[in-house]
Protein backbone atom coordinates (compact mmCIF):
# COMPACT_ATOMS: atom_id res chain seq x y z
CA MET A 1 19.65 147.51 -43.14
CA LYS A 2 22.28 149.32 -40.83
CA PRO A 3 21.64 152.80 -40.32
CA ASN A 4 23.92 155.41 -41.95
CA ILE A 5 24.78 158.02 -39.15
CA ARG A 6 26.58 161.07 -39.93
CA PHE A 7 28.28 163.47 -37.49
CA ARG A 8 30.35 166.69 -37.81
CA LEU A 9 34.09 165.45 -38.38
CA PHE A 10 35.28 167.25 -35.08
CA PRO A 11 33.59 165.05 -32.43
CA ILE A 12 35.15 161.52 -34.20
CA ALA A 13 38.31 163.30 -34.31
CA ALA A 14 38.12 164.31 -30.81
CA VAL A 15 37.50 160.70 -29.68
CA ILE A 16 40.56 159.46 -31.30
CA ALA A 17 42.65 162.38 -30.55
CA ALA A 18 42.13 161.91 -26.74
CA CYS A 19 42.62 158.07 -26.71
CA CYS A 20 45.99 158.88 -28.28
CA LEU A 21 46.66 161.56 -25.84
CA ALA A 22 46.02 158.86 -23.12
CA LEU A 23 49.06 156.93 -24.66
CA SER A 24 51.20 159.85 -24.45
CA GLY A 25 51.80 159.60 -20.63
CA ASN A 26 52.87 155.98 -20.94
CA ALA A 27 53.18 154.55 -24.46
CA TRP A 28 53.72 157.20 -26.67
CA ALA A 29 56.98 157.89 -25.28
CA SER A 30 58.35 154.56 -27.03
CA LYS A 31 56.57 155.48 -30.16
CA GLN A 32 53.41 152.84 -29.83
CA VAL A 33 51.13 152.91 -32.89
CA VAL A 34 47.31 152.61 -32.65
CA ALA A 35 45.48 150.92 -35.34
CA PHE A 36 41.99 152.71 -35.79
CA PHE A 37 39.25 150.73 -37.39
CA PRO A 38 36.24 152.76 -38.61
CA LEU A 39 33.28 152.63 -36.27
CA GLN A 40 30.51 150.66 -37.68
CA ASN A 41 27.66 152.44 -38.64
CA LEU A 42 29.56 155.88 -38.90
CA ALA A 43 30.03 157.13 -42.51
CA ASP A 44 32.68 159.78 -41.59
CA ASN A 45 36.01 158.65 -39.91
CA THR A 46 38.40 161.12 -40.97
CA ILE A 47 41.02 161.66 -38.34
CA SER A 48 42.74 165.11 -38.19
CA GLY A 49 45.69 166.20 -36.10
CA ASP A 50 49.24 165.20 -36.00
CA LEU A 51 49.01 161.80 -34.06
CA ASP A 52 50.62 158.41 -34.74
CA VAL A 53 47.19 156.87 -35.29
CA ARG A 54 46.82 154.73 -38.66
CA LEU A 55 43.25 154.78 -40.19
CA MET A 56 42.53 151.18 -41.41
CA ALA A 57 40.56 149.91 -44.07
CA SER A 58 36.82 148.71 -42.75
CA VAL A 59 36.99 145.04 -41.67
CA ASN A 60 34.20 142.62 -40.72
CA PRO A 61 34.03 142.75 -36.92
CA ASP A 62 33.00 139.18 -37.13
CA GLU A 63 36.58 138.59 -38.42
CA PRO A 64 39.09 139.08 -35.58
CA ASP A 65 42.13 137.81 -37.42
CA ALA A 66 41.57 139.84 -40.48
CA MET A 67 41.55 143.12 -37.99
CA ARG A 68 44.41 141.89 -36.37
CA ASN A 69 46.56 140.64 -39.52
CA LYS A 70 45.95 144.44 -40.73
CA ALA A 71 47.04 145.89 -37.50
CA ARG A 72 50.09 143.90 -37.65
CA GLY A 73 51.04 145.14 -41.02
CA THR A 74 51.29 148.67 -39.87
CA GLY A 75 53.50 147.68 -36.85
CA ALA A 76 50.71 148.65 -34.53
CA THR A 77 50.78 147.61 -30.90
CA TYR A 78 47.18 148.69 -30.06
CA ILE A 79 43.70 148.41 -31.79
CA LEU A 80 40.81 151.04 -31.55
CA ALA A 81 37.52 150.00 -32.80
CA GLY A 82 33.87 150.15 -31.97
CA ALA A 83 30.62 151.11 -33.13
CA VAL A 84 27.83 153.75 -33.12
CA SER A 85 24.15 152.98 -33.23
CA ARG A 86 20.94 155.26 -32.92
CA ILE A 87 17.40 154.85 -31.53
CA GLY A 88 15.36 158.03 -32.03
CA ARG A 89 17.56 160.87 -31.19
CA THR A 90 19.40 158.60 -28.49
CA VAL A 91 22.74 157.53 -29.72
CA THR A 92 25.08 154.88 -28.53
CA MET A 93 28.86 154.73 -28.88
CA ASP A 94 30.96 151.62 -27.81
CA LEU A 95 34.77 151.78 -28.15
CA THR A 96 37.25 149.09 -27.41
CA LEU A 97 41.23 149.65 -26.98
CA SER A 98 43.25 146.45 -26.69
CA ALA A 99 46.79 145.10 -27.29
CA VAL A 100 47.08 143.51 -30.79
CA GLU A 101 48.30 140.37 -29.91
CA ASP A 102 46.19 139.91 -26.78
CA PRO A 103 42.41 141.45 -27.68
CA GLY A 104 41.07 139.57 -24.75
CA LYS A 105 42.69 141.98 -22.34
CA GLY A 106 41.32 144.98 -23.85
CA ARG A 107 38.75 147.44 -22.13
CA THR A 108 35.33 148.64 -23.51
CA VAL A 109 33.43 151.34 -22.78
CA VAL A 110 29.86 152.42 -23.99
CA VAL A 111 28.44 155.69 -23.87
CA THR A 112 24.73 156.82 -24.60
CA GLY A 113 23.54 160.27 -25.09
CA THR A 114 22.64 162.85 -27.76
CA GLU A 115 25.30 165.28 -27.69
CA PHE A 116 28.16 163.67 -29.74
CA ALA A 117 30.76 166.01 -28.72
CA ARG A 118 30.26 164.90 -24.82
CA MET A 119 30.11 161.72 -25.69
CA ALA A 120 33.43 161.55 -27.30
CA THR A 121 35.04 163.46 -24.47
CA GLU A 122 33.39 160.98 -21.77
CA ALA A 123 34.33 157.70 -23.94
CA ALA A 124 38.08 158.89 -24.30
CA SER A 125 38.38 159.80 -20.56
CA LYS A 126 36.83 156.35 -19.67
CA LEU A 127 38.89 154.43 -21.85
CA LYS A 128 42.29 156.36 -20.57
CA TYR A 129 41.46 155.51 -17.12
CA LEU A 130 40.29 152.05 -17.43
CA PHE A 131 43.41 150.82 -19.87
CA PHE A 132 46.11 153.16 -18.76
CA GLY A 133 45.31 154.27 -15.67
CA ASP A 134 45.99 158.14 -14.99
CA GLU A 135 48.43 158.16 -11.92
CA VAL A 136 45.93 159.50 -9.56
CA VAL A 137 44.01 157.18 -7.20
CA GLY A 138 41.55 157.63 -4.43
CA ASP A 139 39.08 160.69 -3.84
CA GLY A 140 39.04 163.80 -2.15
CA SER A 141 41.57 164.29 0.74
CA GLY A 142 42.70 160.74 0.07
CA LYS A 143 43.63 161.54 -3.72
CA ARG A 144 47.17 160.79 -4.59
CA ARG A 145 49.55 160.63 -7.44
CA ILE A 146 51.59 157.77 -8.12
CA PRO A 147 55.09 158.25 -9.60
CA LYS A 148 55.41 156.38 -12.78
CA LEU A 149 58.21 155.61 -15.51
CA SER A 150 59.37 158.22 -17.92
CA GLY A 151 58.45 155.92 -20.75
CA THR A 152 61.89 155.09 -22.34
CA ILE A 153 63.16 151.67 -23.24
CA SER A 154 66.56 150.15 -23.82
CA ARG A 155 68.07 146.98 -23.73
CA SER A 156 71.65 145.26 -23.02
CA ARG A 157 73.70 143.65 -25.52
CA ASN A 158 72.83 139.87 -25.84
CA ILE A 159 74.37 137.36 -23.21
CA PRO A 160 74.70 133.47 -24.55
CA GLY A 161 72.70 131.07 -22.42
CA ASP A 162 69.40 129.53 -21.14
CA ILE A 163 68.52 132.13 -18.66
CA VAL A 164 66.02 130.88 -16.10
CA SER A 165 65.46 133.53 -13.28
CA ILE A 166 67.22 136.65 -12.30
CA ALA A 167 67.49 138.54 -8.66
CA TRP A 168 68.66 142.17 -7.61
CA GLY A 169 70.43 142.89 -4.37
CA ASP A 170 73.94 144.06 -2.85
CA THR A 171 75.31 140.77 -2.22
CA ASP A 172 78.91 141.82 -1.86
CA ARG A 173 78.42 144.92 0.46
CA ASN A 174 80.09 147.41 -1.84
CA GLY A 175 76.93 149.55 -1.58
CA LYS A 176 75.57 148.78 -5.16
CA PRO A 177 73.19 146.05 -6.07
CA GLU A 178 74.45 143.38 -8.43
CA MET A 179 72.15 141.36 -10.70
CA VAL A 180 72.10 137.44 -9.94
CA ALA A 181 71.33 135.28 -13.19
CA ALA A 182 70.22 131.75 -12.64
CA TYR A 183 70.79 129.33 -15.76
CA ALA A 184 69.35 126.01 -15.90
CA ASP A 185 73.05 124.76 -14.74
CA ALA A 186 74.92 127.89 -13.57
CA LEU A 187 74.75 130.70 -11.39
CA VAL A 188 76.54 133.97 -12.26
CA VAL A 189 76.46 137.23 -10.46
CA TYR A 190 76.69 140.73 -12.88
CA ARG A 191 77.45 144.11 -12.05
CA VAL A 192 75.44 146.78 -13.97
CA GLU A 193 77.21 149.47 -16.04
CA GLY A 194 74.63 151.68 -17.56
CA ASP A 195 72.53 149.30 -19.57
CA GLU A 196 75.28 146.69 -19.83
CA LEU A 197 75.89 143.33 -17.57
CA VAL A 198 79.56 142.65 -16.58
CA GLU A 199 80.25 139.19 -15.46
CA MET A 200 81.77 139.37 -11.88
CA ALA A 201 81.42 136.04 -10.35
CA ARG A 202 80.45 132.67 -11.50
CA ILE A 203 79.51 130.42 -8.72
CA PRO A 204 80.56 126.83 -8.99
CA ASP A 205 78.69 123.84 -7.97
CA ALA A 206 75.49 125.51 -8.21
CA GLY A 207 73.85 122.11 -9.32
CA THR A 208 71.66 121.80 -12.09
CA ASP A 209 67.73 121.95 -13.01
CA LEU A 210 67.57 125.73 -11.14
CA ILE A 211 64.03 127.11 -11.44
CA HIS A 212 64.19 130.29 -9.05
CA VAL A 213 66.88 132.78 -7.42
CA ASP A 214 66.23 135.28 -4.80
CA ALA A 215 68.67 137.87 -3.23
CA ALA A 216 68.10 139.14 0.23
CA ASP A 217 69.74 139.59 3.46
CA ILE A 218 67.62 137.12 5.24
CA ASN A 219 70.27 136.75 8.44
CA ARG A 220 70.38 140.38 8.92
CA ASN A 221 74.14 140.87 8.82
CA GLY A 222 74.00 143.59 6.03
CA ILE A 223 74.84 141.20 3.05
CA ALA A 224 72.12 139.78 0.73
CA GLU A 225 72.51 136.32 0.50
CA ILE A 226 71.42 134.23 -2.80
CA ILE A 227 69.01 131.62 -2.37
CA THR A 228 68.87 129.18 -5.40
CA VAL A 229 65.91 126.44 -5.80
CA ARG A 230 66.34 123.52 -7.81
CA TYR A 231 63.51 120.99 -8.89
CA VAL A 232 65.30 117.43 -9.49
CA ALA A 233 63.43 114.23 -9.90
CA GLY A 234 60.20 115.39 -8.13
CA LYS A 235 61.88 116.87 -5.17
CA SER A 236 62.93 120.81 -4.16
CA LEU A 237 66.34 121.21 -3.14
CA SER A 238 67.57 124.70 -2.28
CA ASP A 239 70.76 126.44 -1.38
CA VAL A 240 72.00 129.43 0.23
CA TRP A 241 75.00 131.25 -0.69
CA GLU A 242 76.91 134.28 0.78
CA PHE A 243 79.89 136.34 -0.24
CA ASP A 244 82.99 136.14 2.53
CA GLY A 245 84.97 138.78 1.20
CA ASN A 246 86.59 136.60 -1.50
CA ARG A 247 83.97 134.40 -2.98
CA TYR A 248 80.58 133.10 -2.77
CA SER A 249 80.18 130.30 -0.34
CA PRO A 250 77.33 127.89 0.50
CA VAL A 251 75.79 128.87 3.91
CA ALA A 252 73.31 125.78 3.56
CA ARG A 253 72.96 123.21 1.00
CA ASP A 254 69.86 120.96 -0.02
CA ILE A 255 67.45 122.35 2.20
CA PRO A 256 64.53 120.10 1.14
CA TYR A 257 61.90 123.04 0.26
CA PHE A 258 61.10 125.41 -2.27
CA LEU A 259 62.19 128.62 -0.95
CA ARG A 260 61.95 132.36 -1.41
CA ALA A 261 62.78 135.64 0.68
CA LEU A 262 59.36 137.48 1.69
CA ASP A 263 59.24 141.16 3.15
CA MET A 264 56.85 140.84 6.13
CA GLY A 265 56.85 144.20 7.12
CA LYS A 266 57.59 145.22 10.84
CA ASP A 267 59.13 141.61 10.82
CA GLY A 268 61.49 142.23 7.98
CA ILE A 269 62.86 140.15 5.29
CA VAL A 270 61.93 136.38 6.13
CA LEU A 271 62.66 133.17 4.58
CA THR A 272 59.65 131.20 3.55
CA GLY A 273 59.38 127.41 2.23
CA GLN A 274 56.93 124.90 0.77
CA GLU A 275 57.23 121.11 0.71
CA SER A 276 57.47 119.62 -3.07
CA ASP A 277 55.75 116.50 -4.36
CA PRO A 278 56.67 114.62 -7.43
CA ILE A 279 53.01 114.71 -8.42
CA VAL A 280 51.56 117.78 -7.77
CA ILE A 281 54.87 119.67 -7.39
CA PHE A 282 53.89 122.11 -4.82
CA LYS A 283 52.54 120.84 -1.69
CA GLY A 284 50.84 121.78 1.38
CA PRO A 285 51.06 125.25 3.12
CA VAL A 286 53.60 128.15 2.50
CA PHE A 287 55.24 128.38 5.88
CA ARG A 288 58.27 130.81 7.65
CA LEU A 289 61.46 129.26 8.49
CA ALA A 290 62.77 130.68 11.62
CA GLN A 291 65.77 132.82 11.53
CA GLY A 292 69.03 130.81 11.16
CA LYS A 293 67.09 127.47 11.17
CA TYR A 294 67.91 126.68 7.45
CA GLY A 295 71.77 125.37 7.93
CA ALA A 296 72.72 121.70 8.29
CA ASP A 297 71.13 121.30 11.92
CA GLY A 298 67.86 123.22 11.15
CA ASP A 299 66.98 122.52 7.67
CA LYS A 300 63.50 120.62 8.33
CA ASP A 301 62.57 123.05 11.08
CA LYS A 302 59.21 124.40 9.81
CA GLY A 303 57.47 127.56 11.32
CA SER A 304 53.96 128.79 11.27
CA PRO A 305 51.97 128.73 8.11
CA LEU A 306 51.01 132.18 6.27
CA PRO A 307 47.07 132.81 5.98
CA LEU A 308 46.78 132.29 2.45
CA PRO A 309 44.40 130.14 0.53
CA ASP A 310 44.66 126.50 -0.14
CA GLY A 311 46.49 125.39 -3.33
CA THR A 312 48.59 128.86 -2.88
CA TRP A 313 52.20 127.98 -4.55
CA ILE A 314 55.06 129.78 -2.97
CA TYR A 315 55.78 131.75 -6.10
CA SER A 316 52.62 132.97 -6.82
CA PHE A 317 51.85 135.65 -4.13
CA GLY A 318 53.62 138.66 -2.70
CA THR A 319 53.14 140.98 0.11
CA LEU A 320 51.85 144.67 0.30
CA LYS A 321 52.78 146.79 3.39
CA ASN A 322 49.84 148.95 4.50
CA ARG A 323 50.92 151.19 7.04
CA ASP A 324 51.80 148.86 10.27
CA LYS A 325 50.08 145.72 8.64
CA VAL A 326 51.03 143.51 5.64
CA ARG A 327 48.71 142.18 2.94
CA PHE A 328 49.04 139.42 0.72
CA VAL A 329 48.41 139.62 -3.06
CA THR A 330 48.37 136.51 -5.19
CA PHE A 331 46.55 135.12 -8.26
CA GLY A 332 43.21 133.44 -8.46
CA GLY A 333 41.22 131.77 -11.09
CA ARG A 334 41.91 132.93 -14.64
CA GLU A 335 45.09 134.46 -13.38
CA ARG A 336 43.19 137.31 -11.81
CA ILE A 337 44.98 139.44 -8.90
CA VAL A 338 43.37 139.07 -5.58
CA LEU A 339 44.07 141.14 -2.60
CA LEU A 340 43.98 139.56 1.02
CA ASP A 341 44.13 141.21 4.54
CA GLU A 342 46.46 140.17 6.94
CA ASN A 343 44.46 137.34 8.05
CA GLY A 344 44.15 135.92 4.44
CA LYS A 345 40.57 137.12 4.33
CA LYS A 346 39.53 138.00 0.70
CA LEU A 347 39.13 141.94 0.06
CA TRP A 348 39.11 142.27 -3.61
CA GLU A 349 39.67 140.72 -7.07
CA GLY A 350 40.37 142.12 -10.21
CA ILE A 351 39.00 141.38 -13.76
CA ASP A 352 42.03 141.36 -15.53
CA ALA A 353 44.23 138.31 -16.38
CA VAL A 354 47.86 138.87 -15.72
CA SER A 355 49.70 136.10 -17.84
CA GLY A 356 52.85 134.25 -16.28
CA THR A 357 55.95 133.41 -17.83
CA GLU A 358 57.02 130.55 -20.55
CA THR A 359 59.00 129.05 -17.69
CA ALA A 360 57.38 125.75 -16.45
CA ILE A 361 58.16 123.06 -14.09
CA LYS A 362 57.17 119.48 -15.13
CA ALA A 363 56.34 116.75 -12.65
CA PRO A 364 58.05 113.25 -13.33
CA LEU A 365 55.11 111.35 -12.00
CA ASP A 366 51.17 111.41 -13.59
CA SER A 367 48.42 111.58 -11.16
CA SER A 368 48.44 107.80 -10.41
CA GLY A 369 52.30 108.10 -9.29
CA LYS A 370 53.46 106.32 -12.28
CA GLU A 371 56.20 107.64 -14.42
CA ASP A 372 55.18 110.20 -16.95
CA THR A 373 55.11 107.99 -20.30
CA GLN A 374 52.47 109.71 -21.92
CA GLN A 375 53.28 113.33 -20.86
CA ALA A 376 50.15 113.58 -18.96
CA ALA A 377 52.04 114.89 -15.78
CA ARG A 378 51.37 118.03 -14.07
CA LEU A 379 53.24 121.09 -15.86
CA LEU A 380 53.01 124.36 -14.11
CA HIS A 381 54.24 127.90 -15.48
CA LEU A 382 55.54 130.11 -13.19
CA PRO A 383 53.71 133.37 -12.95
CA ASN A 384 55.43 136.60 -12.99
CA ARG A 385 56.98 138.04 -9.64
CA LEU A 386 54.50 140.57 -7.24
CA PHE A 387 56.48 143.28 -6.46
CA GLY A 388 55.56 145.60 -3.39
CA ALA A 389 57.19 149.16 -3.62
CA ASP A 390 56.26 152.23 -1.80
CA LEU A 391 56.59 154.56 -4.93
CA ASP A 392 54.99 157.56 -3.11
CA GLY A 393 56.32 157.28 0.33
CA ASP A 394 53.13 157.04 2.14
CA LYS A 395 54.08 153.96 3.82
CA THR A 396 51.85 152.01 1.76
CA ASP A 397 53.03 149.63 -1.08
CA GLU A 398 52.05 149.89 -4.89
CA LEU A 399 52.05 146.68 -6.81
CA ILE A 400 53.95 146.37 -9.89
CA VAL A 401 53.60 143.28 -11.87
CA LEU A 402 54.82 141.98 -15.57
CA ASN A 403 51.79 140.89 -17.96
CA ASN A 404 52.86 138.95 -20.70
CA LEU A 405 50.70 139.06 -23.95
CA VAL A 406 49.71 135.83 -25.51
CA ALA A 407 50.51 135.89 -29.34
CA ALA A 408 47.51 135.43 -31.09
CA GLY A 409 46.77 131.95 -32.00
CA GLY A 410 49.85 130.90 -30.04
CA PHE A 411 48.16 129.30 -26.89
CA PHE A 412 47.07 125.93 -27.06
CA GLU A 413 46.84 123.75 -24.09
CA ASN A 414 50.24 123.57 -22.46
CA ILE A 415 52.05 125.67 -25.10
CA ARG A 416 52.27 129.20 -24.42
CA VAL A 417 53.66 131.69 -26.96
CA PHE A 418 54.12 135.20 -25.82
CA SER A 419 54.77 138.26 -28.00
CA ASN A 420 55.45 140.89 -25.58
CA ALA A 421 55.43 142.25 -22.32
CA GLU A 422 54.01 145.18 -20.19
CA ALA A 423 54.36 146.31 -16.67
CA LEU A 424 51.43 147.38 -14.61
CA CYS A 425 51.12 149.26 -11.37
CA PHE A 426 48.22 149.10 -8.86
CA ALA A 427 47.70 151.09 -6.00
CA GLN A 428 45.92 150.47 -2.92
CA ASN A 429 42.69 152.25 -2.69
CA GLY A 430 41.07 151.25 0.65
CA ASP A 431 40.34 147.67 0.36
CA SER A 432 40.81 147.71 -3.15
CA LEU A 433 43.52 147.95 -6.04
CA GLN A 434 43.31 150.50 -8.66
CA LEU A 435 45.44 150.75 -11.79
CA ALA A 436 47.77 153.47 -11.61
CA TRP A 437 49.62 153.17 -14.67
CA ARG A 438 50.67 150.81 -17.49
CA THR A 439 53.95 151.09 -19.56
CA ALA A 440 54.43 150.68 -23.17
CA GLN A 441 54.85 147.23 -24.45
CA ALA A 442 58.71 146.17 -24.04
CA GLY A 443 59.08 144.58 -27.49
CA ASN A 444 59.46 141.08 -26.10
CA SER A 445 58.06 138.76 -23.42
CA ALA A 446 59.49 138.52 -19.71
CA ARG A 447 61.15 135.50 -18.22
CA ASP A 448 61.61 137.21 -14.94
CA SER A 449 62.20 140.64 -13.58
CA PHE A 450 62.90 143.17 -10.70
CA VAL A 451 62.28 146.40 -9.78
CA ASP A 452 65.02 149.02 -8.47
CA TYR A 453 63.75 152.38 -7.18
CA SER A 454 64.88 154.84 -4.30
CA PRO A 455 62.52 156.04 -1.44
CA GLY A 456 59.39 158.25 -3.11
CA GLY A 457 59.84 156.36 -6.39
CA LYS A 458 62.92 158.32 -7.65
CA GLY A 459 65.19 156.58 -10.12
CA LEU A 460 62.35 153.85 -10.73
CA ARG A 461 63.43 151.14 -13.47
CA ILE A 462 62.45 147.98 -14.15
CA GLY A 463 64.72 145.18 -15.17
CA ILE A 464 63.11 142.35 -17.70
CA VAL A 465 64.92 139.13 -18.64
CA SER A 466 63.98 138.16 -22.03
CA ARG A 467 65.16 135.41 -24.45
CA ASP A 468 66.22 136.78 -28.03
CA LYS A 469 63.84 134.38 -29.93
CA GLY A 470 65.63 135.27 -33.38
CA LYS A 471 68.95 133.79 -31.60
CA ILE A 472 67.80 130.33 -30.46
CA LEU A 473 70.53 128.05 -31.45
CA GLY A 474 69.92 124.26 -30.99
CA LYS A 475 69.67 123.83 -27.27
CA TYR A 476 70.63 127.42 -26.01
CA GLY A 477 70.04 130.90 -27.29
CA GLU A 478 70.73 134.43 -26.15
CA TRP A 479 69.18 136.69 -23.61
CA ASN A 480 69.51 140.21 -22.69
CA ILE A 481 67.92 142.83 -20.10
CA ILE A 482 65.18 145.26 -21.12
CA TRP A 483 65.26 148.46 -19.35
CA LEU A 484 62.20 150.26 -18.66
CA ARG A 485 62.69 153.77 -17.23
């Protein structure tokens, strides 16, 4: 028989209140709702206080679908549940806080003691720190506060089209960044007016089968070039475009590599590449292209490889400045974040999975090299971008990454169904990364994103391109930009 443990009302209310206050810094500004399921074995779970916490009816803990469905019915985005047990005078409390749609990415704390009020405070503090971060990283004299978003969310009007990738940069040298959008069969430059996008230019002859776009000043002339990447019949073809004062013209066409721009610290923005393959898609190491060696006479001039683990895709890693050095951050097994030093030595690996996007690249040939008639060829989902941003002005980058939440029951083999997205910010703390903050859920999944900020984290905002799944008509749908501020 399960013990029936009774405590005063105040301590359990304190646990819930403290956990909800942890949401106030990030998620509460967007009115996120917490579904609280009564702690097992605790007789009195009454909640006091004016907090947006929904007390749910008890559910068998062995029936997670029932719990999830009840939480969905209240519009909740998070679930708080747990249990209390006692052996003699010693009480053990465990609490789990997780997203409704992706409970596997939750956080659990276990606290043991005899003073329930102290345990409640300790459990709430640990949950806040582990799940949401507290903006403060480091210890002692090295402690610092990482600027965060204000917590507001807005979105642009819907735009027709099948969006694939976006980039952010000043591509016409007018002192204001533009947003470049790659569709499967078109390339469009937009200016931003408030929350809205206004089309400036539609670049002709951009090709089809676009999978990626970047905007960066790779030739150091003060104008951000546009780099587009296609994967056609098992071969990567990349183009570089530049504004000539009147229109966007090609600087180089059909470069036979996957390309991307990369911030290499003291070396500035460099162009990197990787070979393609019709079976494995990404082949060989990621390498630097020498400046100016991507034109018609130098498009096959590969430079030195970057010190990355074997099998790293060109779009699955980023760089973080650490004073006068550059570190690498990439995705390891089970989509976990891995921090590497400047020589590629592994320094740290996280425990959280950071899910990628619904955008996938499919190889045309199966493992035997034959045409894929049995749908057995390799299918790779592109990860979300890993952004390095010095938010607190200490010459050491923080990491910002979007995390898509897999809809419950919506992840079967090669089919991913995402219901939402959140932004995570990690700060470098010695040779590891520490969660600084987590945003509220954006309301839809992320196909791509960019980070916009001024030095010191001022004006920080994140733009998320998201397909409106309620407006998918035939082959094409509509999309918009979700602004996290």
